[in-house]
Amino acid sequence: MANFLFRKSYRLSTLIKVDYDHLWGSKGTFTTIRVYGKKPKYIFIKEHLLQLNKSLKKLHINFFLTEKKLLELISNKLKIKKYNHLLRVAIKKNIISISLRPRLEPSNSFQCELINYQRINAGIKNLQYKKILSMQKKIDMQKKEILFYNKKNVLEGSTTNLILIKNNQIILPKGNYYKGITMNYLLKKIPNKHIFKVISFLDLSSADEIILVGSGKGVVKVTSVPKIKWFSSSSKMFKRFFSIYKAQLEL
C-alpha cells in the first residue's frame, strides 16, 4: 500500500475541505505529476494541467484548474529535504482530490506481463480504474508492468506508454490509447522519425528494445517479456531517452 504524505479532498464549487475520497470508479479524470528536487519542481505541470482541463471539458465537468490554484491546495508544511514523489490530482463533477506519495524506483531487471484488456474511454485518463488496480495488486510494480492488448494488438502499459525499437526505428502502437505527456516530450527531442503501426506479439518478439515511459516510472528499459520469450538485445535508444529525461529533471 502506498505511503501517502498527504491526501485531501475539496468541494469543487467552494474548495472547502471535505472527507478524503480517492475517486476511483467515479466519472472523472486524473493526472499524476512527478515532483523532484530540493525545491520541489513539478515536472511538465503546464502540460499536465492542459491535458487535465481538456479531459474535464470532454467529460462536461465545469471546472478549470490553474497551476496557482493547485499549488494553493498542496500542503506547505511537508518536511521533505529532497522530493522524488508523485502528485495525483483527481476530479469528478463535485470533488477534487489530491495526494502525494513517494515515487518507487523501477528495477534494473524489469519484465512485462501481457493481459487482454482495453481501458474504458482510453483516449483520456479517466477514473474507471478499479479493474486495473486489482490487476496491479497481483504484481510488484517496481519489477513489472502490465501491457494491455486487444485482439492480440498491443496498446499500452497500465501506467506507461510503449515504445519499440527495431533497427534504430522508433515504433509506437497504432490504436485507441492515451498518448502521455512524457512520451510526447521525448519524441519531440529525438531527431529519429517515428512511425505508428499495429503492434502484434510478433512485433514485440522481434524488437531490439522495449521501452516504457510515463510520469511515474520515467524511462524504463524492459529486460524481458516471459510470455513471448523475449529478451532485450540492446540499450542504445533507452540510454538516449533516459539521458533526455534526466536532463529535464535537473533543469
C-alpha atoms as a PDB file:
ATOM      1  CA  MET A   1       0.000   0.000   0.000  1.00  0.00           C
ATOM      2  CA  ALA A   2       1.285   3.483  -0.884  1.00  0.00           C
ATOM      3  CA  ASN A   3       2.732   5.569   1.939  1.00  0.00           C
ATOM      4  CA  PHE A   4       0.913   8.868   1.398  1.00  0.00           C
ATOM      5  CA  LEU A   5       2.413  12.063   2.770  1.00  0.00           C
ATOM      6  CA  PHE A   6      -0.935  13.760   2.428  1.00  0.00           C
ATOM      7  CA  ARG A   7      -4.384  13.099   0.991  1.00  0.00           C
ATOM      8  CA  LYS A   8      -7.009  15.817   0.705  1.00  0.00           C
ATOM      9  CA  SER A   9     -10.377  16.328  -0.956  1.00  0.00           C
ATOM     10  CA  TYR A  10     -12.201  19.594  -1.579  1.00  0.00           C
ATOM     11  CA  ARG A  11     -15.677  20.588  -2.702  1.00  0.00           C
ATOM     12  CA  LEU A  12     -15.237  21.731  -6.296  1.00  0.00           C
ATOM     13  CA  SER A  13     -17.570  24.730  -6.058  1.00  0.00           C
ATOM     14  CA  THR A  14     -16.044  26.253  -2.912  1.00  0.00           C
ATOM     15  CA  LEU A  15     -12.687  24.449  -2.459  1.00  0.00           C
ATOM     16  CA  ILE A  16     -13.706  23.790   1.144  1.00  0.00           C
ATOM     17  CA  LYS A  17     -12.083  20.667   2.581  1.00  0.00           C
ATOM     18  CA  VAL A  18     -14.222  17.502   2.852  1.00  0.00           C
ATOM     19  CA  ASP A  19     -13.510  13.885   3.837  1.00  0.00           C
ATOM     20  CA  TYR A  20     -10.906  12.325   1.550  1.00  0.00           C
ATOM     21  CA  ASP A  21     -12.162  10.298  -1.413  1.00  0.00           C
ATOM     22  CA  HIS A  22      -9.722   8.706  -3.894  1.00  0.00           C
ATOM     23  CA  LEU A  23     -12.468   8.928  -6.554  1.00  0.00           C
ATOM     24  CA  TRP A  24     -11.524   5.655  -8.291  1.00  0.00           C
ATOM     25  CA  GLY A  25     -14.567   4.336 -10.130  1.00  0.00           C
ATOM     26  CA  SER A  26     -16.141   7.796 -10.470  1.00  0.00           C
ATOM     27  CA  LYS A  27     -16.950   9.612 -13.696  1.00  0.00           C
ATOM     28  CA  GLY A  28     -13.987  11.926 -13.876  1.00  0.00           C
ATOM     29  CA  THR A  29     -10.343  12.301 -14.780  1.00  0.00           C
ATOM     30  CA  PHE A  30      -6.921  12.381 -13.133  1.00  0.00           C
ATOM     31  CA  THR A  31      -3.278  13.116 -13.745  1.00  0.00           C
ATOM     32  CA  THR A  32      -0.052  12.154 -11.986  1.00  0.00           C
ATOM     33  CA  ILE A  33       2.755  14.709 -11.778  1.00  0.00           C
ATOM     34  CA  ARG A  34       6.300  13.863 -10.763  1.00  0.00           C
ATOM     35  CA  VAL A  35       7.722  16.152  -8.058  1.00  0.00           C
ATOM     36  CA  TYR A  36      11.506  16.332  -7.918  1.00  0.00           C
ATOM     37  CA  GLY A  37      14.381  18.181  -6.239  1.00  0.00           C
ATOM     38  CA  LYS A  38      15.187  20.110  -3.045  1.00  0.00           C
ATOM     39  CA  LYS A  39      12.931  22.936  -4.083  1.00  0.00           C
ATOM     40  CA  PRO A  40      10.033  20.933  -5.486  1.00  0.00           C
ATOM     41  CA  LYS A  41       9.845  21.022  -9.261  1.00  0.00           C
ATOM     42  CA  TYR A  42       6.569  19.847 -10.758  1.00  0.00           C
ATOM     43  CA  ILE A  43       7.684  18.080 -13.937  1.00  0.00           C
ATOM     44  CA  PHE A  44       5.634  19.098 -17.019  1.00  0.00           C
ATOM     45  CA  ILE A  45       2.992  20.710 -14.776  1.00  0.00           C
ATOM     46  CA  LYS A  46       1.698  23.024 -17.525  1.00  0.00           C
ATOM     47  CA  GLU A  47       1.256  20.092 -19.922  1.00  0.00           C
ATOM     48  CA  HIS A  48      -0.445  18.007 -17.228  1.00  0.00           C
ATOM     49  CA  LEU A  49      -2.937  20.752 -16.420  1.00  0.00           C
ATOM     50  CA  LEU A  50      -3.602  21.403 -20.107  1.00  0.00           C
ATOM     51  CA  GLN A  51      -4.486  17.732 -20.641  1.00  0.00           C
ATOM     52  CA  LEU A  52      -6.480  17.572 -17.403  1.00  0.00           C
ATOM     53  CA  ASN A  53      -8.580  20.593 -18.340  1.00  0.00           C
ATOM     54  CA  LYS A  54      -9.182  19.214 -21.848  1.00  0.00           C
ATOM     55  CA  SER A  55     -10.432  15.977 -20.292  1.00  0.00           C
ATOM     56  CA  LEU A  56     -12.714  17.890 -17.906  1.00  0.00           C
ATOM     57  CA  LYS A  57     -14.261  19.647 -20.888  1.00  0.00           C
ATOM     58  CA  LYS A  58     -14.799  16.350 -22.727  1.00  0.00           C
ATOM     59  CA  LEU A  59     -16.492  14.932 -19.622  1.00  0.00           C
ATOM     60  CA  HIS A  60     -18.682  18.064 -19.282  1.00  0.00           C
ATOM     61  CA  ILE A  61     -17.266  18.880 -15.841  1.00  0.00           C
ATOM     62  CA  ASN A  62     -17.454  22.644 -15.393  1.00  0.00           C
ATOM     63  CA  PHE A  63     -14.115  23.333 -13.692  1.00  0.00           C
ATOM     64  CA  PHE A  64     -10.758  24.720 -14.781  1.00  0.00           C
ATOM     65  CA  LEU A  65      -7.670  24.012 -12.673  1.00  0.00           C
ATOM     66  CA  THR A  66      -4.821  26.516 -12.786  1.00  0.00           C
ATOM     67  CA  GLU A  67      -1.296  25.963 -11.519  1.00  0.00           C
ATOM     68  CA  LYS A  68      -1.804  28.696  -8.903  1.00  0.00           C
ATOM     69  CA  LYS A  69      -4.996  27.081  -7.632  1.00  0.00           C
ATOM     70  CA  LEU A  70      -3.399  23.628  -7.438  1.00  0.00           C
ATOM     71  CA  LEU A  71      -0.331  24.824  -5.533  1.00  0.00           C
ATOM     72  CA  GLU A  72      -2.582  26.609  -3.029  1.00  0.00           C
ATOM     73  CA  LEU A  73      -4.272  23.282  -2.251  1.00  0.00           C
ATOM     74  CA  ILE A  74      -0.995  21.447  -1.610  1.00  0.00           C
ATOM     75  CA  SER A  75       0.305  21.380   1.954  1.00  0.00           C
ATOM     76  CA  ASN A  76       3.277  23.700   2.547  1.00  0.00           C
ATOM     77  CA  LYS A  77       4.106  22.085   5.892  1.00  0.00           C
ATOM     78  CA  LEU A  78       5.813  18.991   4.494  1.00  0.00           C
ATOM     79  CA  LYS A  79       9.296  18.444   5.906  1.00  0.00           C
ATOM     80  CA  ILE A  80      10.889  16.872   2.840  1.00  0.00           C
ATOM     81  CA  LYS A  81      14.605  17.521   2.226  1.00  0.00           C
ATOM     82  CA  LYS A  82      14.537  16.293  -1.354  1.00  0.00           C
ATOM     83  CA  TYR A  83      11.480  15.426  -3.395  1.00  0.00           C
ATOM     84  CA  ASN A  84      11.125  12.330  -5.531  1.00  0.00           C
ATOM     85  CA  HIS A  85       7.372  11.942  -5.262  1.00  0.00           C
ATOM     86  CA  LEU A  86       4.181  11.603  -7.292  1.00  0.00           C
ATOM     87  CA  LEU A  87       1.347  14.101  -7.006  1.00  0.00           C
ATOM     88  CA  ARG A  88      -2.019  12.710  -8.062  1.00  0.00           C
ATOM     89  CA  VAL A  89      -4.841  15.095  -8.952  1.00  0.00           C
ATOM     90  CA  ALA A  90      -8.301  13.581  -9.496  1.00  0.00           C
ATOM     91  CA  ILE A  91     -11.523  15.416 -10.307  1.00  0.00           C
ATOM     92  CA  LYS A  92     -15.161  14.407 -10.640  1.00  0.00           C
ATOM     93  CA  LYS A  93     -18.211  16.663 -11.008  1.00  0.00           C
ATOM     94  CA  ASN A  94     -18.193  17.981  -7.431  1.00  0.00           C
ATOM     95  CA  ILE A  95     -14.895  16.906  -5.813  1.00  0.00           C
ATOM     96  CA  ILE A  96     -11.168  17.446  -6.377  1.00  0.00           C
ATOM     97  CA  SER A  97      -8.776  15.089  -4.582  1.00  0.00           C
ATOM     98  CA  ILE A  98      -5.014  15.463  -4.349  1.00  0.00           C
ATOM     99  CA  SER A  99      -2.422  13.180  -2.788  1.00  0.00           C
ATOM    100  CA  LEU A 100       1.352  12.900  -2.566  1.00  0.00           C
ATOM    101  CA  ARG A 101       3.311   9.671  -2.250  1.00  0.00           C
ATOM    102  CA  PRO A 102       6.965   8.638  -2.622  1.00  0.00           C
ATOM    103  CA  ARG A 103       7.969   7.521  -6.095  1.00  0.00           C
ATOM    104  CA  LEU A 104       9.152   3.912  -6.288  1.00  0.00           C
ATOM    105  CA  GLU A 105      12.270   3.401  -8.412  1.00  0.00           C
ATOM    106  CA  PRO A 106      11.804   0.760 -11.162  1.00  0.00           C
ATOM    107  CA  SER A 107      14.114  -2.242 -11.000  1.00  0.00           C
ATOM    108  CA  ASN A 108      17.015  -2.658 -13.436  1.00  0.00           C
ATOM    109  CA  SER A 109      15.566  -6.100 -14.185  1.00  0.00           C
ATOM    110  CA  PHE A 110      12.104  -5.203 -15.452  1.00  0.00           C
ATOM    111  CA  GLN A 111       9.509  -7.508 -17.011  1.00  0.00           C
ATOM    112  CA  CYS A 112       6.207  -7.032 -18.820  1.00  0.00           C
ATOM    113  CA  GLU A 113       3.115  -9.175 -18.336  1.00  0.00           C
ATOM    114  CA  LEU A 114       0.630  -9.336 -21.231  1.00  0.00           C
ATOM    115  CA  ILE A 115      -3.073  -9.094 -20.354  1.00  0.00           C
ATOM    116  CA  ASN A 116      -6.067  -8.967 -22.709  1.00  0.00           C
ATOM    117  CA  TYR A 117      -7.776  -5.711 -21.733  1.00  0.00           C
ATOM    118  CA  GLN A 118      -8.538  -2.257 -23.111  1.00  0.00           C
ATOM    119  CA  ARG A 119      -9.162   0.737 -20.886  1.00  0.00           C
ATOM    120  CA  ILE A 120     -12.619   2.287 -20.854  1.00  0.00           C
ATOM    121  CA  ASN A 121     -12.689   5.577 -22.804  1.00  0.00           C
ATOM    122  CA  ALA A 122      -8.977   5.032 -23.421  1.00  0.00           C
ATOM    123  CA  GLY A 123      -8.296   8.388 -25.067  1.00  0.00           C
ATOM    124  CA  ILE A 124      -8.408  10.212 -21.717  1.00  0.00           C
ATOM    125  CA  LYS A 125      -7.084   9.404 -18.249  1.00  0.00           C
ATOM    126  CA  ASN A 126     -10.421   8.565 -16.681  1.00  0.00           C
ATOM    127  CA  LEU A 127     -11.125   7.230 -13.197  1.00  0.00           C
ATOM    128  CA  GLN A 128     -12.630   3.887 -14.309  1.00  0.00           C
ATOM    129  CA  TYR A 129      -9.575   2.110 -12.956  1.00  0.00           C
ATOM    130  CA  LYS A 130     -10.800  -0.416 -10.396  1.00  0.00           C
ATOM    131  CA  LYS A 131     -10.168  -3.434 -12.626  1.00  0.00           C
ATOM    132  CA  ILE A 132      -6.694  -2.151 -13.470  1.00  0.00           C
ATOM    133  CA  LEU A 133      -5.925  -1.567  -9.789  1.00  0.00           C
ATOM    134  CA  SER A 134      -6.968  -5.143  -8.997  1.00  0.00           C
ATOM    135  CA  MET A 135      -4.534  -6.388 -11.684  1.00  0.00           C
ATOM    136  CA  GLN A 136      -1.735  -4.221 -10.331  1.00  0.00           C
ATOM    137  CA  LYS A 137      -2.160  -5.593  -6.799  1.00  0.00           C
ATOM    138  CA  LYS A 138      -1.103  -9.021  -8.090  1.00  0.00           C
ATOM    139  CA  ILE A 139       2.333  -7.882  -9.272  1.00  0.00           C
ATOM    140  CA  ASP A 140       5.356  -5.998  -7.931  1.00  0.00           C
ATOM    141  CA  MET A 141       5.052  -2.656  -9.720  1.00  0.00           C
ATOM    142  CA  GLN A 142       8.753  -1.918  -9.210  1.00  0.00           C
ATOM    143  CA  LYS A 143       9.652  -5.024 -11.212  1.00  0.00           C
ATOM    144  CA  LYS A 144       6.756  -5.454 -13.636  1.00  0.00           C
ATOM    145  CA  GLU A 145       4.347  -3.556 -15.845  1.00  0.00           C
ATOM    146  CA  ILE A 146       1.131  -4.878 -17.345  1.00  0.00           C
ATOM    147  CA  LEU A 147       0.908  -4.465 -21.124  1.00  0.00           C
ATOM    148  CA  PHE A 148      -2.653  -4.363 -22.411  1.00  0.00           C
ATOM    149  CA  TYR A 149      -3.563  -5.909 -25.737  1.00  0.00           C
ATOM    150  CA  ASN A 150      -6.848  -6.135 -27.610  1.00  0.00           C
ATOM    151  CA  LYS A 151      -7.353  -8.758 -30.357  1.00  0.00           C
ATOM    152  CA  LYS A 152      -3.629  -9.534 -29.958  1.00  0.00           C
ATOM    153  CA  ASN A 153      -2.710  -5.924 -30.770  1.00  0.00           C
ATOM    154  CA  VAL A 154      -0.574  -4.398 -28.017  1.00  0.00           C
ATOM    155  CA  LEU A 155      -1.599  -0.874 -26.989  1.00  0.00           C
ATOM    156  CA  GLU A 156      -0.104   0.463 -23.759  1.00  0.00           C
ATOM    157  CA  GLY A 157       1.053  -0.272 -20.250  1.00  0.00           C
ATOM    158  CA  SER A 158      -1.198   0.078 -17.217  1.00  0.00           C
ATOM    159  CA  THR A 159       0.820   3.157 -16.147  1.00  0.00           C
ATOM    160  CA  THR A 160       3.031   3.807 -19.174  1.00  0.00           C
ATOM    161  CA  ASN A 161       3.294   4.293 -22.911  1.00  0.00           C
ATOM    162  CA  LEU A 162       5.044   1.664 -25.006  1.00  0.00           C
ATOM    163  CA  ILE A 163       7.908   2.347 -27.425  1.00  0.00           C
ATOM    164  CA  LEU A 164       9.521  -0.350 -29.581  1.00  0.00           C
ATOM    165  CA  ILE A 165      12.917  -0.046 -31.232  1.00  0.00           C
ATOM    166  CA  LYS A 166      13.837  -2.172 -34.234  1.00  0.00           C
ATOM    167  CA  ASN A 167      16.839  -1.429 -36.456  1.00  0.00           C
ATOM    168  CA  ASN A 168      17.030   2.052 -34.860  1.00  0.00           C
ATOM    169  CA  GLN A 169      13.420   2.741 -35.920  1.00  0.00           C
ATOM    170  CA  ILE A 170      11.079   4.118 -33.232  1.00  0.00           C
ATOM    171  CA  ILE A 171       7.740   2.295 -33.420  1.00  0.00           C
ATOM    172  CA  LEU A 172       4.620   3.328 -31.496  1.00  0.00           C
ATOM    173  CA  PRO A 173       1.356   1.381 -31.205  1.00  0.00           C
ATOM    174  CA  LYS A 174      -1.448   2.377 -33.535  1.00  0.00           C
ATOM    175  CA  GLY A 175      -4.837   2.321 -31.841  1.00  0.00           C
ATOM    176  CA  ASN A 176      -7.044   3.805 -29.157  1.00  0.00           C
ATOM    177  CA  TYR A 177      -4.961   4.630 -26.091  1.00  0.00           C
ATOM    178  CA  TYR A 178      -3.768   7.662 -24.131  1.00  0.00           C
ATOM    179  CA  LYS A 179      -0.681   9.340 -25.611  1.00  0.00           C
ATOM    180  CA  GLY A 180       1.104  10.531 -22.499  1.00  0.00           C
ATOM    181  CA  ILE A 181       2.983  13.728 -21.753  1.00  0.00           C
ATOM    182  CA  THR A 182       6.360  12.086 -21.116  1.00  0.00           C
ATOM    183  CA  MET A 183       6.220  10.180 -24.401  1.00  0.00           C
ATOM    184  CA  ASN A 184       5.257  13.279 -26.385  1.00  0.00           C
ATOM    185  CA  TYR A 185       8.107  15.268 -24.830  1.00  0.00           C
ATOM    186  CA  LEU A 186      10.731  12.616 -25.571  1.00  0.00           C
ATOM    187  CA  LEU A 187       9.628  12.153 -29.177  1.00  0.00           C
ATOM    188  CA  LYS A 188       9.989  15.895 -29.810  1.00  0.00           C
ATOM    189  CA  LYS A 189      13.549  15.779 -28.500  1.00  0.00           C
ATOM    190  CA  ILE A 190      14.704  12.805 -30.576  1.00  0.00           C
ATOM    191  CA  PRO A 191      15.568  13.552 -34.236  1.00  0.00           C
ATOM    192  CA  ASN A 192      14.793   9.967 -35.318  1.00  0.00           C
ATOM    193  CA  LYS A 193      11.479   9.704 -37.143  1.00  0.00           C
ATOM    194  CA  HIS A 194       8.855   7.510 -35.526  1.00  0.00           C
ATOM    195  CA  ILE A 195       6.032   5.502 -37.037  1.00  0.00           C
ATOM    196  CA  PHE A 196       2.691   4.304 -35.732  1.00  0.00           C
ATOM    197  CA  LYS A 197       1.737   0.733 -36.556  1.00  0.00           C
ATOM    198  CA  VAL A 198      -0.405  -2.068 -35.190  1.00  0.00           C
ATOM    199  CA  ILE A 199       1.830  -3.906 -32.712  1.00  0.00           C
ATOM    200  CA  SER A 200       1.384  -7.682 -32.748  1.00  0.00           C
ATOM    201  CA  PHE A 201       3.019 -10.222 -30.451  1.00  0.00           C
ATOM    202  CA  LEU A 202       5.353 -10.963 -33.375  1.00  0.00           C
ATOM    203  CA  ASP A 203       6.402  -7.299 -33.485  1.00  0.00           C
ATOM    204  CA  LEU A 204       7.109  -7.423 -29.761  1.00  0.00           C
ATOM    205  CA  SER A 205       9.157 -10.583 -30.075  1.00  0.00           C
ATOM    206  CA  SER A 206      11.276  -9.144 -32.914  1.00  0.00           C
ATOM    207  CA  ALA A 207      12.027  -5.789 -31.237  1.00  0.00           C
ATOM    208  CA  ASP A 208      15.588  -4.906 -30.258  1.00  0.00           C
ATOM    209  CA  GLU A 209      14.362  -2.769 -27.362  1.00  0.00           C
ATOM    210  CA  ILE A 210      11.094  -2.316 -25.485  1.00  0.00           C
ATOM    211  CA  ILE A 211      10.941   0.965 -23.581  1.00  0.00           C
ATOM    212  CA  LEU A 212       8.227   2.173 -21.206  1.00  0.00           C
ATOM    213  CA  VAL A 213       7.736   5.864 -20.441  1.00  0.00           C
ATOM    214  CA  GLY A 214       5.421   7.726 -18.091  1.00  0.00           C
ATOM    215  CA  SER A 215       5.221  10.296 -15.322  1.00  0.00           C
ATOM    216  CA  GLY A 216       5.526   7.724 -12.562  1.00  0.00           C
ATOM    217  CA  LYS A 217       8.119   5.363 -13.970  1.00  0.00           C
ATOM    218  CA  GLY A 218      10.089   7.871 -16.029  1.00  0.00           C
ATOM    219  CA  VAL A 219      12.004   5.919 -18.697  1.00  0.00           C
ATOM    220  CA  VAL A 220      12.306   2.160 -18.160  1.00  0.00           C
ATOM    221  CA  LYS A 221      14.203  -0.468 -20.112  1.00  0.00           C
ATOM    222  CA  VAL A 222      12.255  -3.736 -20.331  1.00  0.00           C
ATOM    223  CA  THR A 223      14.629  -6.667 -19.948  1.00  0.00           C
ATOM    224  CA  SER A 224      12.170  -9.487 -20.700  1.00  0.00           C
ATOM    225  CA  VAL A 225       8.612 -10.454 -21.634  1.00  0.00           C
ATOM    226  CA  PRO A 226       8.315 -14.070 -20.417  1.00  0.00           C
ATOM    227  CA  LYS A 227       5.017 -14.878 -22.185  1.00  0.00           C
ATOM    228  CA  ILE A 228       6.599 -14.465 -25.634  1.00  0.00           C
ATOM    229  CA  LYS A 229      10.123 -15.439 -24.512  1.00  0.00           C
ATOM    230  CA  TRP A 230      11.529 -12.036 -25.435  1.00  0.00           C
ATOM    231  CA  PHE A 231      14.782 -10.651 -24.022  1.00  0.00           C
ATOM    232  CA  SER A 232      16.348  -7.271 -24.644  1.00  0.00           C
ATOM    233  CA  SER A 233      19.276  -7.219 -27.076  1.00  0.00           C
ATOM    234  CA  SER A 234      20.193  -3.525 -26.884  1.00  0.00           C
ATOM    235  CA  SER A 235      20.104  -0.419 -24.658  1.00  0.00           C
ATOM    236  CA  LYS A 236      21.113   2.150 -27.262  1.00  0.00           C
ATOM    237  CA  MET A 237      17.857   4.079 -27.627  1.00  0.00           C
ATOM    238  CA  PHE A 238      16.915   3.602 -23.977  1.00  0.00           C
ATOM    239  CA  LYS A 239      20.106   5.421 -22.966  1.00  0.00           C
ATOM    240  CA  ARG A 240      19.234   8.325 -25.270  1.00  0.00           C
ATOM    241  CA  PHE A 241      15.685   8.638 -23.956  1.00  0.00           C
ATOM    242  CA  PHE A 242      16.855   8.311 -20.347  1.00  0.00           C
ATOM    243  CA  SER A 243      19.523  10.989 -20.824  1.00  0.00           C
ATOM    244  CA  ILE A 244      16.969  13.438 -22.253  1.00  0.00           C
ATOM    245  CA  TYR A 245      14.517  12.742 -19.428  1.00  0.00           C
ATOM    246  CA  LYS A 246      17.184  13.078 -16.717  1.00  0.00           C
ATOM    247  CA  ALA A 247      18.313  16.416 -18.159  1.00  0.00           C
ATOM    248  CA  GLN A 248      14.730  17.684 -17.843  1.00  0.00           C
ATOM    249  CA  LEU A 249      14.652  16.666 -14.158  1.00  0.00           C
ATOM    250  CA  GLU A 250      17.889  18.505 -13.436  1.00  0.00           C
ATOM    251  CA  LEU A 251      16.963  21.802 -15.133  1.00  0.00           C
END
